Amino acid sequence: MIFRSISRNAIILGAFALGTVAITAITNLLTHEDIQINRQQVLIDTIETLVEQDAYNNDLFNDCVLITAPQVGASAKHPVKAYLARHDDAPIAAFIQSIAPDGYSGAIRLTIGIYYDGTLAGVRVNEHKETPGLGDKVELKKSDWLLAFNGKSLSNPAPEKWKVKKDGGDFDQLTGATITPRAVVKSVSNTLNYFTGNKEQLFSATTGCHDE
């Protein structure tokens, strides 16, 4: 009797687990397209805050290349995407989905817009786990700290000044938080360096990114 009871319970638990897995799989399948559409719209909305929509006329979402360079927080196993803006095939800007790996509470995912001449169109935070009220001020909706990057380049400020002021650089730290802005400044600087050395290859590469 005890053995039969254990077997029956095991079967019930197994069936429940299989049912849960099946429901999860079906839900993911049904919502995958909506998720992709939402991601695309978020990307478009972010980019439109950095560069005016009439500045380019290509299919930005599909004009995409994968980057594996450590400078942008990527690797061959975990590449990041760069979306390329063109006007009548002339390069306008790149929007690189860089990762700052050394935030206070983990990686900070960024969209870094860079004009072809190496000037920053701007920076936006896509995702982070920074402390509310402190490090989360890297979000534009929490403070205007990110706007300090607008129009900057590798020569403005000088390379040695691409640091927070506490480290002898030109960029403010956030009140009560230094690690978060330090990580973002470093990531932006690294991404600018990467772009400067690779922009021709980026804009001449075969485009097309597969969703994870």
C-alpha atoms as a PDB file:
ATOM      1  CA  MET A   1       0.000   0.000   0.000  1.00  0.00           C
ATOM      2  CA  ILE A   2       2.763   2.445   0.918  1.00  0.00           C
ATOM      3  CA  PHE A   3       4.648   1.618  -2.293  1.00  0.00           C
ATOM      4  CA  ARG A   4       1.526   2.193  -4.386  1.00  0.00           C
ATOM      5  CA  SER A   5       0.890   5.497  -2.648  1.00  0.00           C
ATOM      6  CA  ILE A   6       4.463   6.663  -3.276  1.00  0.00           C
ATOM      7  CA  SER A   7       4.252   5.578  -6.916  1.00  0.00           C
ATOM      8  CA  ARG A   8       0.931   7.373  -7.380  1.00  0.00           C
ATOM      9  CA  ASN A   9       2.322  10.573  -5.847  1.00  0.00           C
ATOM     10  CA  ALA A  10       5.429  10.335  -8.016  1.00  0.00           C
ATOM     11  CA  ILE A  11       3.290   9.971 -11.138  1.00  0.00           C
ATOM     12  CA  ILE A  12       1.142  12.948 -10.123  1.00  0.00           C
ATOM     13  CA  LEU A  13       4.220  15.097  -9.446  1.00  0.00           C
ATOM     14  CA  GLY A  14       5.800  14.027 -12.724  1.00  0.00           C
ATOM     15  CA  ALA A  15       2.634  14.850 -14.653  1.00  0.00           C
ATOM     16  CA  PHE A  16       2.439  18.233 -12.909  1.00  0.00           C
ATOM     17  CA  ALA A  17       6.065  18.998 -13.817  1.00  0.00           C
ATOM     18  CA  LEU A  18       5.511  18.008 -17.452  1.00  0.00           C
ATOM     19  CA  GLY A  19       2.385  20.123 -17.571  1.00  0.00           C
ATOM     20  CA  THR A  20       4.237  23.134 -16.178  1.00  0.00           C
ATOM     21  CA  VAL A  21       7.021  22.740 -18.726  1.00  0.00           C
ATOM     22  CA  ALA A  22       4.493  22.422 -21.547  1.00  0.00           C
ATOM     23  CA  ILE A  23       2.574  25.514 -20.446  1.00  0.00           C
ATOM     24  CA  THR A  24       5.806  27.507 -20.179  1.00  0.00           C
ATOM     25  CA  ALA A  25       6.917  26.417 -23.641  1.00  0.00           C
ATOM     26  CA  ILE A  26       3.548  27.264 -25.185  1.00  0.00           C
ATOM     27  CA  THR A  27       3.489  30.655 -23.458  1.00  0.00           C
ATOM     28  CA  ASN A  28       6.983  31.476 -24.720  1.00  0.00           C
ATOM     29  CA  LEU A  29       6.002  30.435 -28.231  1.00  0.00           C
ATOM     30  CA  LEU A  30       2.834  32.523 -28.221  1.00  0.00           C
ATOM     31  CA  THR A  31       4.478  35.624 -26.752  1.00  0.00           C
ATOM     32  CA  HIS A  32       7.805  35.472 -28.657  1.00  0.00           C
ATOM     33  CA  GLU A  33       6.581  37.643 -31.519  1.00  0.00           C
ATOM     34  CA  ASP A  34       5.094  40.239 -29.159  1.00  0.00           C
ATOM     35  CA  ILE A  35       8.336  40.351 -27.182  1.00  0.00           C
ATOM     36  CA  GLN A  36      10.355  40.938 -30.339  1.00  0.00           C
ATOM     37  CA  ILE A  37       7.974  43.694 -31.461  1.00  0.00           C
ATOM     38  CA  ASN A  38       8.234  45.361 -28.044  1.00  0.00           C
ATOM     39  CA  ARG A  39      12.047  45.143 -28.101  1.00  0.00           C
ATOM     40  CA  GLN A  40      12.092  46.673 -31.560  1.00  0.00           C
ATOM     41  CA  GLN A  41       9.834  49.531 -30.477  1.00  0.00           C
ATOM     42  CA  VAL A  42      11.938  50.207 -27.346  1.00  0.00           C
ATOM     43  CA  LEU A  43      15.066  50.302 -29.511  1.00  0.00           C
ATOM     44  CA  ILE A  44      13.459  52.671 -32.006  1.00  0.00           C
ATOM     45  CA  ASP A  45      12.187  54.931 -29.221  1.00  0.00           C
ATOM     46  CA  THR A  46      15.650  55.000 -27.615  1.00  0.00           C
ATOM     47  CA  ILE A  47      17.433  55.791 -30.856  1.00  0.00           C
ATOM     48  CA  GLU A  48      14.948  58.541 -31.701  1.00  0.00           C
ATOM     49  CA  THR A  49      15.957  60.315 -28.470  1.00  0.00           C
ATOM     50  CA  LEU A  50      19.545  60.334 -29.730  1.00  0.00           C
ATOM     51  CA  VAL A  51      19.252  61.086 -33.463  1.00  0.00           C
ATOM     52  CA  GLU A  52      16.368  62.640 -35.358  1.00  0.00           C
ATOM     53  CA  GLN A  53      14.457  60.096 -37.403  1.00  0.00           C
ATOM     54  CA  ASP A  54      14.854  62.034 -40.661  1.00  0.00           C
ATOM     55  CA  ALA A  55      18.650  61.876 -40.286  1.00  0.00           C
ATOM     56  CA  TYR A  56      18.618  58.335 -41.714  1.00  0.00           C
ATOM     57  CA  ASN A  57      16.446  56.472 -44.208  1.00  0.00           C
ATOM     58  CA  ASN A  58      17.547  52.844 -43.968  1.00  0.00           C
ATOM     59  CA  ASP A  59      15.845  49.958 -42.161  1.00  0.00           C
ATOM     60  CA  LEU A  60      17.725  50.525 -38.950  1.00  0.00           C
ATOM     61  CA  PHE A  61      16.474  47.464 -37.084  1.00  0.00           C
ATOM     62  CA  ASN A  62      17.738  45.114 -39.802  1.00  0.00           C
ATOM     63  CA  ASP A  63      20.919  47.054 -40.577  1.00  0.00           C
ATOM     64  CA  CYS A  64      22.677  45.390 -37.695  1.00  0.00           C
ATOM     65  CA  VAL A  65      26.035  43.743 -37.037  1.00  0.00           C
ATOM     66  CA  LEU A  66      27.294  41.620 -34.163  1.00  0.00           C
ATOM     67  CA  ILE A  67      30.370  42.782 -32.231  1.00  0.00           C
ATOM     68  CA  THR A  68      32.543  40.430 -30.200  1.00  0.00           C
ATOM     69  CA  ALA A  69      35.156  42.918 -28.963  1.00  0.00           C
ATOM     70  CA  PRO A  70      35.919  43.018 -25.197  1.00  0.00           C
ATOM     71  CA  GLN A  71      36.027  46.831 -25.443  1.00  0.00           C
ATOM     72  CA  VAL A  72      32.234  46.892 -25.662  1.00  0.00           C
ATOM     73  CA  GLY A  73      31.764  44.174 -23.045  1.00  0.00           C
ATOM     74  CA  ALA A  74      31.293  41.414 -25.616  1.00  0.00           C
ATOM     75  CA  SER A  75      32.840  38.083 -26.579  1.00  0.00           C
ATOM     76  CA  ALA A  76      32.492  35.513 -29.338  1.00  0.00           C
ATOM     77  CA  LYS A  77      30.064  33.591 -27.132  1.00  0.00           C
ATOM     78  CA  HIS A  78      28.158  36.679 -26.042  1.00  0.00           C
ATOM     79  CA  PRO A  79      28.274  39.318 -28.805  1.00  0.00           C
ATOM     80  CA  VAL A  80      26.482  42.656 -28.678  1.00  0.00           C
ATOM     81  CA  LYS A  81      24.586  44.358 -31.458  1.00  0.00           C
ATOM     82  CA  ALA A  82      25.337  47.562 -33.309  1.00  0.00           C
ATOM     83  CA  TYR A  83      22.586  49.214 -35.344  1.00  0.00           C
ATOM     84  CA  LEU A  84      23.806  51.325 -38.245  1.00  0.00           C
ATOM     85  CA  ALA A  85      22.091  54.489 -39.443  1.00  0.00           C
ATOM     86  CA  ARG A  86      22.608  55.518 -43.057  1.00  0.00           C
ATOM     87  CA  HIS A  87      21.148  58.131 -45.373  1.00  0.00           C
ATOM     88  CA  ASP A  88      21.141  57.053 -49.012  1.00  0.00           C
ATOM     89  CA  ASP A  89      23.824  54.496 -48.038  1.00  0.00           C
ATOM     90  CA  ALA A  90      26.086  57.169 -46.522  1.00  0.00           C
ATOM     91  CA  PRO A  91      27.047  56.293 -42.909  1.00  0.00           C
ATOM     92  CA  ILE A  92      25.454  58.533 -40.307  1.00  0.00           C
ATOM     93  CA  ALA A  93      25.797  56.899 -36.897  1.00  0.00           C
ATOM     94  CA  ALA A  94      26.127  53.616 -35.025  1.00  0.00           C
ATOM     95  CA  PHE A  95      24.119  52.630 -31.965  1.00  0.00           C
ATOM     96  CA  ILE A  96      26.169  50.091 -30.036  1.00  0.00           C
ATOM     97  CA  GLN A  97      24.548  47.993 -27.310  1.00  0.00           C
ATOM     98  CA  SER A  98      27.574  48.059 -25.009  1.00  0.00           C
ATOM     99  CA  ILE A  99      27.873  46.412 -21.616  1.00  0.00           C
ATOM    100  CA  ALA A 100      29.611  47.999 -18.630  1.00  0.00           C
ATOM    101  CA  PRO A 101      30.489  44.856 -16.637  1.00  0.00           C
ATOM    102  CA  ASP A 102      31.635  46.582 -13.456  1.00  0.00           C
ATOM    103  CA  GLY A 103      28.599  48.410 -12.119  1.00  0.00           C
ATOM    104  CA  TYR A 104      28.044  48.411  -8.360  1.00  0.00           C
ATOM    105  CA  SER A 105      25.382  45.676  -8.577  1.00  0.00           C
ATOM    106  CA  GLY A 106      26.372  44.023 -11.837  1.00  0.00           C
ATOM    107  CA  ALA A 107      26.434  44.709 -15.534  1.00  0.00           C
ATOM    108  CA  ILE A 108      24.913  47.896 -16.945  1.00  0.00           C
ATOM    109  CA  ARG A 109      23.562  47.610 -20.493  1.00  0.00           C
ATOM    110  CA  LEU A 110      23.835  50.736 -22.602  1.00  0.00           C
ATOM    111  CA  THR A 111      22.897  52.127 -25.973  1.00  0.00           C
ATOM    112  CA  ILE A 112      25.750  54.361 -27.100  1.00  0.00           C
ATOM    113  CA  GLY A 113      25.052  56.472 -30.175  1.00  0.00           C
ATOM    114  CA  ILE A 114      28.121  57.640 -32.082  1.00  0.00           C
ATOM    115  CA  TYR A 115      28.115  59.777 -35.221  1.00  0.00           C
ATOM    116  CA  TYR A 116      30.429  58.664 -38.006  1.00  0.00           C
ATOM    117  CA  ASP A 117      32.818  61.518 -37.185  1.00  0.00           C
ATOM    118  CA  GLY A 118      33.326  60.064 -33.670  1.00  0.00           C
ATOM    119  CA  THR A 119      31.092  62.513 -31.805  1.00  0.00           C
ATOM    120  CA  LEU A 120      28.659  61.080 -29.294  1.00  0.00           C
ATOM    121  CA  ALA A 121      24.988  61.427 -30.183  1.00  0.00           C
ATOM    122  CA  GLY A 122      24.247  60.358 -26.627  1.00  0.00           C
ATOM    123  CA  VAL A 123      24.049  57.502 -24.150  1.00  0.00           C
ATOM    124  CA  ARG A 124      21.057  55.695 -22.677  1.00  0.00           C
ATOM    125  CA  VAL A 125      20.818  52.945 -20.063  1.00  0.00           C
ATOM    126  CA  ASN A 126      18.815  49.927 -21.210  1.00  0.00           C
ATOM    127  CA  GLU A 127      19.112  47.736 -18.129  1.00  0.00           C
ATOM    128  CA  HIS A 128      20.791  47.816 -14.723  1.00  0.00           C
ATOM    129  CA  LYS A 129      20.511  46.594 -11.138  1.00  0.00           C
ATOM    130  CA  GLU A 130      21.995  49.625  -9.411  1.00  0.00           C
ATOM    131  CA  THR A 131      20.848  50.851  -6.008  1.00  0.00           C
ATOM    132  CA  PRO A 132      17.552  52.813  -6.063  1.00  0.00           C
ATOM    133  CA  GLY A 133      18.094  56.452  -5.145  1.00  0.00           C
ATOM    134  CA  LEU A 134      21.842  56.256  -5.787  1.00  0.00           C
ATOM    135  CA  GLY A 135      23.243  54.382  -8.785  1.00  0.00           C
ATOM    136  CA  ASP A 136      19.903  54.313 -10.581  1.00  0.00           C
ATOM    137  CA  LYS A 137      20.383  58.019 -11.307  1.00  0.00           C
ATOM    138  CA  VAL A 138      22.158  56.891 -14.466  1.00  0.00           C
ATOM    139  CA  GLU A 139      18.602  56.526 -15.816  1.00  0.00           C
ATOM    140  CA  LEU A 140      17.515  59.614 -17.706  1.00  0.00           C
ATOM    141  CA  LYS A 141      14.145  59.582 -15.969  1.00  0.00           C
ATOM    142  CA  LYS A 142      15.926  59.860 -12.596  1.00  0.00           C
ATOM    143  CA  SER A 143      18.502  62.553 -13.452  1.00  0.00           C
ATOM    144  CA  ASP A 144      20.102  64.346 -16.402  1.00  0.00           C
ATOM    145  CA  TRP A 145      23.578  62.945 -15.648  1.00  0.00           C
ATOM    146  CA  LEU A 146      23.723  61.011 -18.939  1.00  0.00           C
ATOM    147  CA  LEU A 147      23.273  64.207 -20.952  1.00  0.00           C
ATOM    148  CA  ALA A 148      26.849  65.176 -20.082  1.00  0.00           C
ATOM    149  CA  PHE A 149      27.997  62.754 -22.807  1.00  0.00           C
ATOM    150  CA  ASN A 150      26.180  64.571 -25.610  1.00  0.00           C
ATOM    151  CA  GLY A 151      28.629  65.953 -28.164  1.00  0.00           C
ATOM    152  CA  LYS A 152      31.694  64.482 -26.457  1.00  0.00           C
ATOM    153  CA  SER A 153      34.446  62.646 -28.347  1.00  0.00           C
ATOM    154  CA  LEU A 154      37.871  61.140 -27.714  1.00  0.00           C
ATOM    155  CA  SER A 155      39.381  64.610 -28.038  1.00  0.00           C
ATOM    156  CA  ASN A 156      36.680  66.356 -25.995  1.00  0.00           C
ATOM    157  CA  PRO A 157      37.658  65.821 -23.263  1.00  0.00           C
ATOM    158  CA  ALA A 158      41.233  64.599 -23.653  1.00  0.00           C
ATOM    159  CA  PRO A 159      41.693  60.831 -23.227  1.00  0.00           C
ATOM    160  CA  GLU A 160      43.140  61.159 -19.736  1.00  0.00           C
ATOM    161  CA  LYS A 161      40.025  63.081 -18.642  1.00  0.00           C
ATOM    162  CA  TRP A 162      37.595  60.279 -19.476  1.00  0.00           C
ATOM    163  CA  LYS A 163      37.087  59.571 -15.783  1.00  0.00           C
ATOM    164  CA  VAL A 164      34.863  60.794 -12.979  1.00  0.00           C
ATOM    165  CA  LYS A 165      36.124  63.865 -11.147  1.00  0.00           C
ATOM    166  CA  LYS A 166      37.042  61.804  -8.077  1.00  0.00           C
ATOM    167  CA  ASP A 167      39.598  60.041 -10.280  1.00  0.00           C
ATOM    168  CA  GLY A 168      40.892  63.260 -11.849  1.00  0.00           C
ATOM    169  CA  GLY A 169      38.547  63.294 -14.825  1.00  0.00           C
ATOM    170  CA  ASP A 170      35.899  65.644 -16.224  1.00  0.00           C
ATOM    171  CA  PHE A 171      32.705  63.738 -15.421  1.00  0.00           C
ATOM    172  CA  ASP A 172      30.640  64.266 -12.292  1.00  0.00           C
ATOM    173  CA  GLN A 173      30.003  61.344 -10.011  1.00  0.00           C
ATOM    174  CA  LEU A 174      26.522  60.835  -8.610  1.00  0.00           C
ATOM    175  CA  THR A 175      25.773  61.914  -5.061  1.00  0.00           C
ATOM    176  CA  GLY A 176      26.541  58.946  -2.848  1.00  0.00           C
ATOM    177  CA  ALA A 177      27.593  56.783  -5.777  1.00  0.00           C
ATOM    178  CA  THR A 178      30.911  56.646  -7.601  1.00  0.00           C
ATOM    179  CA  ILE A 179      31.227  53.068  -8.836  1.00  0.00           C
ATOM    180  CA  THR A 180      28.198  53.278 -11.143  1.00  0.00           C
ATOM    181  CA  PRO A 181      29.190  56.443 -13.040  1.00  0.00           C
ATOM    182  CA  ARG A 182      32.817  55.268 -13.125  1.00  0.00           C
ATOM    183  CA  ALA A 183      31.666  52.076 -14.891  1.00  0.00           C
ATOM    184  CA  VAL A 184      29.534  53.993 -17.397  1.00  0.00           C
ATOM    185  CA  VAL A 185      32.253  56.544 -18.226  1.00  0.00           C
ATOM    186  CA  LYS A 186      34.746  53.728 -18.765  1.00  0.00           C
ATOM    187  CA  SER A 187      32.341  51.825 -21.014  1.00  0.00           C
ATOM    188  CA  VAL A 188      31.549  54.884 -23.122  1.00  0.00           C
ATOM    189  CA  SER A 189      35.254  55.681 -23.510  1.00  0.00           C
ATOM    190  CA  ASN A 190      36.047  52.088 -24.485  1.00  0.00           C
ATOM    191  CA  THR A 191      33.186  52.025 -26.982  1.00  0.00           C
ATOM    192  CA  LEU A 192      34.348  55.279 -28.561  1.00  0.00           C
ATOM    193  CA  ASN A 193      37.841  53.822 -28.925  1.00  0.00           C
ATOM    194  CA  TYR A 194      36.448  50.674 -30.487  1.00  0.00           C
ATOM    195  CA  PHE A 195      34.275  52.616 -32.925  1.00  0.00           C
ATOM    196  CA  THR A 196      37.088  54.933 -33.975  1.00  0.00           C
ATOM    197  CA  GLY A 197      39.290  52.007 -34.885  1.00  0.00           C
ATOM    198  CA  ASN A 198      36.601  49.884 -36.535  1.00  0.00           C
ATOM    199  CA  LYS A 199      33.948  52.153 -38.048  1.00  0.00           C
ATOM    200  CA  GLU A 200      34.877  51.403 -41.649  1.00  0.00           C
ATOM    201  CA  GLN A 201      34.669  47.668 -41.033  1.00  0.00           C
ATOM    202  CA  LEU A 202      31.332  48.075 -39.243  1.00  0.00           C
ATOM    203  CA  PHE A 203      29.697  50.008 -42.055  1.00  0.00           C
ATOM    204  CA  SER A 204      31.070  47.689 -44.741  1.00  0.00           C
ATOM    205  CA  ALA A 205      30.176  44.443 -42.928  1.00  0.00           C
ATOM    206  CA  THR A 206      27.396  42.132 -44.036  1.00  0.00           C
ATOM    207  CA  THR A 207      24.488  43.103 -41.819  1.00  0.00           C
ATOM    208  CA  GLY A 208      21.870  41.007 -40.084  1.00  0.00           C
ATOM    209  CA  CYS A 209      21.524  39.967 -36.456  1.00  0.00           C
ATOM    210  CA  HIS A 210      19.689  36.921 -35.203  1.00  0.00           C
ATOM    211  CA  ASP A 211      17.598  37.305 -32.078  1.00  0.00           C
ATOM    212  CA  GLU A 212      18.659  35.251 -29.110  1.00  0.00           C
END
